[in-house]
C-alpha atoms as a PDB file:
ATOM      1  CA  MET A   1      -0.629  -5.907 -42.596  1.00  0.00           C
ATOM      2  CA  SER A   2      -3.116  -4.404 -40.142  1.00  0.00           C
ATOM      3  CA  THR A   3      -2.408  -3.159 -36.634  1.00  0.00           C
ATOM      4  CA  LEU A   4      -4.218  -3.143 -33.297  1.00  0.00           C
ATOM      5  CA  THR A   5      -3.514  -0.821 -30.381  1.00  0.00           C
ATOM      6  CA  TYR A   6      -2.887  -2.185 -26.888  1.00  0.00           C
ATOM      7  CA  ARG A   7      -1.354  -1.029 -23.599  1.00  0.00           C
ATOM      8  CA  ASN A   8       1.990  -2.712 -22.879  1.00  0.00           C
ATOM      9  CA  SER A   9       3.417  -3.644 -19.470  1.00  0.00           C
ATOM     10  CA  ASN A  10       4.743  -0.076 -19.047  1.00  0.00           C
ATOM     11  CA  GLY A  11       1.263   1.371 -19.569  1.00  0.00           C
ATOM     12  CA  GLN A  12       2.134   2.795 -22.983  1.00  0.00           C
ATOM     13  CA  LEU A  13      -0.213   2.542 -25.964  1.00  0.00           C
ATOM     14  CA  VAL A  14       1.520   0.498 -28.634  1.00  0.00           C
ATOM     15  CA  ASP A  15       0.504  -0.424 -32.172  1.00  0.00           C
ATOM     16  CA  LEU A  16       0.430  -4.197 -32.388  1.00  0.00           C
ATOM     17  CA  PRO A  17       0.966  -5.759 -35.811  1.00  0.00           C
ATOM     18  CA  ALA A  18      -1.676  -8.323 -36.713  1.00  0.00           C
ATOM     19  CA  VAL A  19      -1.235 -11.411 -38.873  1.00  0.00           C
ATOM     20  CA  ALA A  20      -3.785 -13.870 -40.153  1.00  0.00           C
ATOM     21  CA  ALA A  21      -3.730 -17.344 -38.605  1.00  0.00           C
ATOM     22  CA  THR A  22      -2.953 -18.858 -42.019  1.00  0.00           C
ATOM     23  CA  ARG A  23       0.118 -16.620 -42.375  1.00  0.00           C
ATOM     24  CA  LEU A  24       1.251 -17.742 -38.912  1.00  0.00           C
ATOM     25  CA  LYS A  25       0.780 -21.371 -39.868  1.00  0.00           C
ATOM     26  CA  ASN A  26       2.676 -20.979 -43.154  1.00  0.00           C
ATOM     27  CA  GLY A  27       5.383 -18.585 -41.948  1.00  0.00           C
ATOM     28  CA  LEU A  28       5.980 -19.159 -38.254  1.00  0.00           C
ATOM     29  CA  GLY A  29       9.661 -18.230 -38.506  1.00  0.00           C
ATOM     30  CA  SER A  30       9.046 -14.761 -39.925  1.00  0.00           C
ATOM     31  CA  VAL A  31       6.230 -14.079 -37.447  1.00  0.00           C
ATOM     32  CA  MET A  32       8.505 -15.150 -34.574  1.00  0.00           C
ATOM     33  CA  GLU A  33      11.156 -12.711 -35.807  1.00  0.00           C
ATOM     34  CA  GLN A  34       8.529  -9.979 -35.833  1.00  0.00           C
ATOM     35  CA  VAL A  35       7.538 -10.871 -32.246  1.00  0.00           C
ATOM     36  CA  MET A  36      11.162 -10.757 -31.121  1.00  0.00           C
ATOM     37  CA  ARG A  37      11.563  -7.273 -32.655  1.00  0.00           C
ATOM     38  CA  GLY A  38       8.264  -5.789 -31.507  1.00  0.00           C
ATOM     39  CA  GLY A  39       7.280  -7.735 -28.408  1.00  0.00           C
ATOM     40  CA  ALA A  40       3.932  -9.049 -29.662  1.00  0.00           C
ATOM     41  CA  VAL A  41       1.821  -9.895 -32.687  1.00  0.00           C
ATOM     42  CA  ALA A  42      -1.951 -10.288 -32.775  1.00  0.00           C
ATOM     43  CA  ILE A  43      -3.233 -13.412 -34.521  1.00  0.00           C
ATOM     44  CA  THR A  44      -6.468 -12.875 -36.420  1.00  0.00           C
ATOM     45  CA  ARG A  45      -9.039 -15.138 -37.980  1.00  0.00           C
ATOM     46  CA  HIS A  46     -11.408 -13.587 -40.503  1.00  0.00           C
ATOM     47  CA  GLU A  47      -9.867 -10.189 -39.603  1.00  0.00           C
ATOM     48  CA  ALA A  48     -10.952 -10.461 -35.934  1.00  0.00           C
ATOM     49  CA  PRO A  49      -8.255 -10.704 -33.229  1.00  0.00           C
ATOM     50  CA  LYS A  50      -8.267 -14.150 -31.596  1.00  0.00           C
ATOM     51  CA  ALA A  51      -4.897 -14.451 -29.808  1.00  0.00           C
ATOM     52  CA  VAL A  52      -1.619 -12.669 -29.121  1.00  0.00           C
ATOM     53  CA  LEU A  53       1.840 -14.108 -29.523  1.00  0.00           C
ATOM     54  CA  LEU A  54       4.117 -12.404 -26.960  1.00  0.00           C
ATOM     55  CA  ALA A  55       7.873 -12.267 -26.575  1.00  0.00           C
ATOM     56  CA  TYR A  56       8.853 -14.080 -23.391  1.00  0.00           C
ATOM     57  CA  ASP A  57      10.256 -10.910 -21.774  1.00  0.00           C
ATOM     58  CA  GLU A  58       6.948  -9.091 -22.345  1.00  0.00           C
ATOM     59  CA  PHE A  59       5.025 -12.030 -20.861  1.00  0.00           C
ATOM     60  CA  VAL A  60       7.249 -12.051 -17.755  1.00  0.00           C
ATOM     61  CA  ALA A  61       6.822  -8.282 -17.329  1.00  0.00           C
ATOM     62  CA  LEU A  62       3.032  -8.539 -17.592  1.00  0.00           C
ATOM     63  CA  THR A  63       2.731 -11.395 -15.119  1.00  0.00           C
ATOM     64  CA  ARG A  64       5.255  -9.948 -12.676  1.00  0.00           C
ATOM     65  CA  ASP A  65       3.340  -6.649 -12.541  1.00  0.00           C
ATOM     66  CA  ARG A  66       0.170  -8.533 -11.653  1.00  0.00           C
ATOM     67  CA  ALA A  67       1.628 -10.449  -8.679  1.00  0.00           C
ATOM     68  CA  PRO A  68       1.920  -7.537  -6.204  1.00  0.00           C
ATOM     69  CA  VAL A  69      -1.682  -6.566  -6.892  1.00  0.00           C
ATOM     70  CA  LEU A  70      -2.867 -10.083  -6.068  1.00  0.00           C
ATOM     71  CA  ASN A  71      -0.754 -10.125  -2.913  1.00  0.00           C
ATOM     72  CA  ASP A  72      -2.224  -6.760  -1.867  1.00  0.00           C
ATOM     73  CA  LEU A  73      -5.742  -8.084  -2.447  1.00  0.00           C
ATOM     74  CA  ALA A  74      -5.005 -11.211  -0.421  1.00  0.00           C
ATOM     75  CA  ALA A  75      -3.723  -9.088   2.473  1.00  0.00           C
ATOM     76  CA  GLU A  76      -6.797  -6.851   2.289  1.00  0.00           C
ATOM     77  CA  TYR A  77      -9.050  -9.918   2.283  1.00  0.00           C
ATOM     78  CA  ASP A  78      -7.259 -11.357   5.315  1.00  0.00           C
ATOM     79  CA  THR A  79      -7.718  -8.051   7.175  1.00  0.00           C
ATOM     80  CA  LEU A  80     -11.419  -7.894   6.352  1.00  0.00           C
ATOM     81  CA  LEU A  81     -11.905 -11.521   7.314  1.00  0.00           C
ATOM     82  CA  GLY A  82     -10.160 -10.901  10.613  1.00  0.00           C
ATOM     83  CA  ARG A  83     -12.496  -7.987  11.349  1.00  0.00           C
ATOM     84  CA  MET A  84     -15.523 -10.161  10.578  1.00  0.00           C
ATOM     85  CA  GLN A  85     -14.377 -12.777  13.084  1.00  0.00           C
ATOM     86  CA  THR A  86     -14.492 -10.481  16.130  1.00  0.00           C
ATOM     87  CA  PRO A  87     -17.130 -10.954  18.841  1.00  0.00           C
ATOM     88  CA  ALA A  88     -18.663  -7.550  17.982  1.00  0.00           C
ATOM     89  CA  ALA A  89     -19.019  -8.517  14.305  1.00  0.00           C
ATOM     90  CA  ARG A  90     -20.564 -11.878  15.208  1.00  0.00           C
ATOM     91  CA  LYS A  91     -23.051 -10.119  17.491  1.00  0.00           C
ATOM     92  CA  ALA A  92     -23.956  -7.602  14.763  1.00  0.00           C
ATOM     93  CA  VAL A  93     -24.602 -10.376  12.229  1.00  0.00           C
ATOM     94  CA  SER A  94     -26.684 -12.293  14.758  1.00  0.00           C
ATOM     95  CA  ASN A  95     -28.712  -9.152  15.521  1.00  0.00           C
ATOM     96  CA  ALA A  96     -29.279  -8.510  11.803  1.00  0.00           C
ATOM     97  CA  PHE A  97     -30.531 -12.043  11.184  1.00  0.00           C
ATOM     98  CA  ASN A  98     -32.782 -11.969  14.230  1.00  0.00           C
ATOM     99  CA  ALA A  99     -34.181  -8.459  13.670  1.00  0.00           C
ATOM    100  CA  THR A 100     -37.902  -7.939  13.227  1.00  0.00           C
ATOM    101  CA  PRO A 101     -39.173  -6.306  10.030  1.00  0.00           C
ATOM    102  CA  GLU A 102     -39.776  -3.087  11.973  1.00  0.00           C
ATOM    103  CA  GLU A 103     -36.202  -3.054  13.298  1.00  0.00           C
ATOM    104  CA  MET A 104     -34.857  -3.677   9.799  1.00  0.00           C
ATOM    105  CA  GLY A 105     -36.963  -0.817   8.455  1.00  0.00           C
ATOM    106  CA  ARG A 106     -35.695   1.603  11.125  1.00  0.00           C
ATOM    107  CA  ALA A 107     -32.089   0.551  10.456  1.00  0.00           C
ATOM    108  CA  ALA A 108     -32.555   1.052   6.706  1.00  0.00           C
ATOM    109  CA  VAL A 109     -34.023   4.545   7.185  1.00  0.00           C
ATOM    110  CA  LYS A 110     -31.210   5.444   9.593  1.00  0.00           C
ATOM    111  CA  ALA A 111     -28.538   4.241   7.131  1.00  0.00           C
ATOM    112  CA  ALA A 112     -30.174   6.111   4.245  1.00  0.00           C
ATOM    113  CA  ARG A 113     -30.212   9.363   6.231  1.00  0.00           C
ATOM    114  CA  LYS A 114     -26.493   9.029   7.029  1.00  0.00           C
ATOM    115  CA  LYS A 115     -25.616   8.887   3.298  1.00  0.00           C
ATOM    116  CA  ARG A 116     -27.230  12.253   2.473  1.00  0.00           C
END
């Protein structure tokens, strides 16, 4: 049996046993036991990984860890959107769209000098 290496929900590198899809089809019970002992098994087809069978607890841990990140991103998006809705931001966007090519060029040079 081959193994693959992956990072689990705790951030640790773990060797993941791999089984061929035909072995899964013919011996689901033994593969399920292996998943329950080790947390996951990679399913391969022609020796290439195609899917992962996870223990339910590992799945819950992986999805739970992702939720706060999405909530943080949503809050950051809401903050940025709020800043873009101010009168000053609206005026800046209007000025940018109505700027002449010369004004755009001067603004670009000014911004480039600030970054040095």
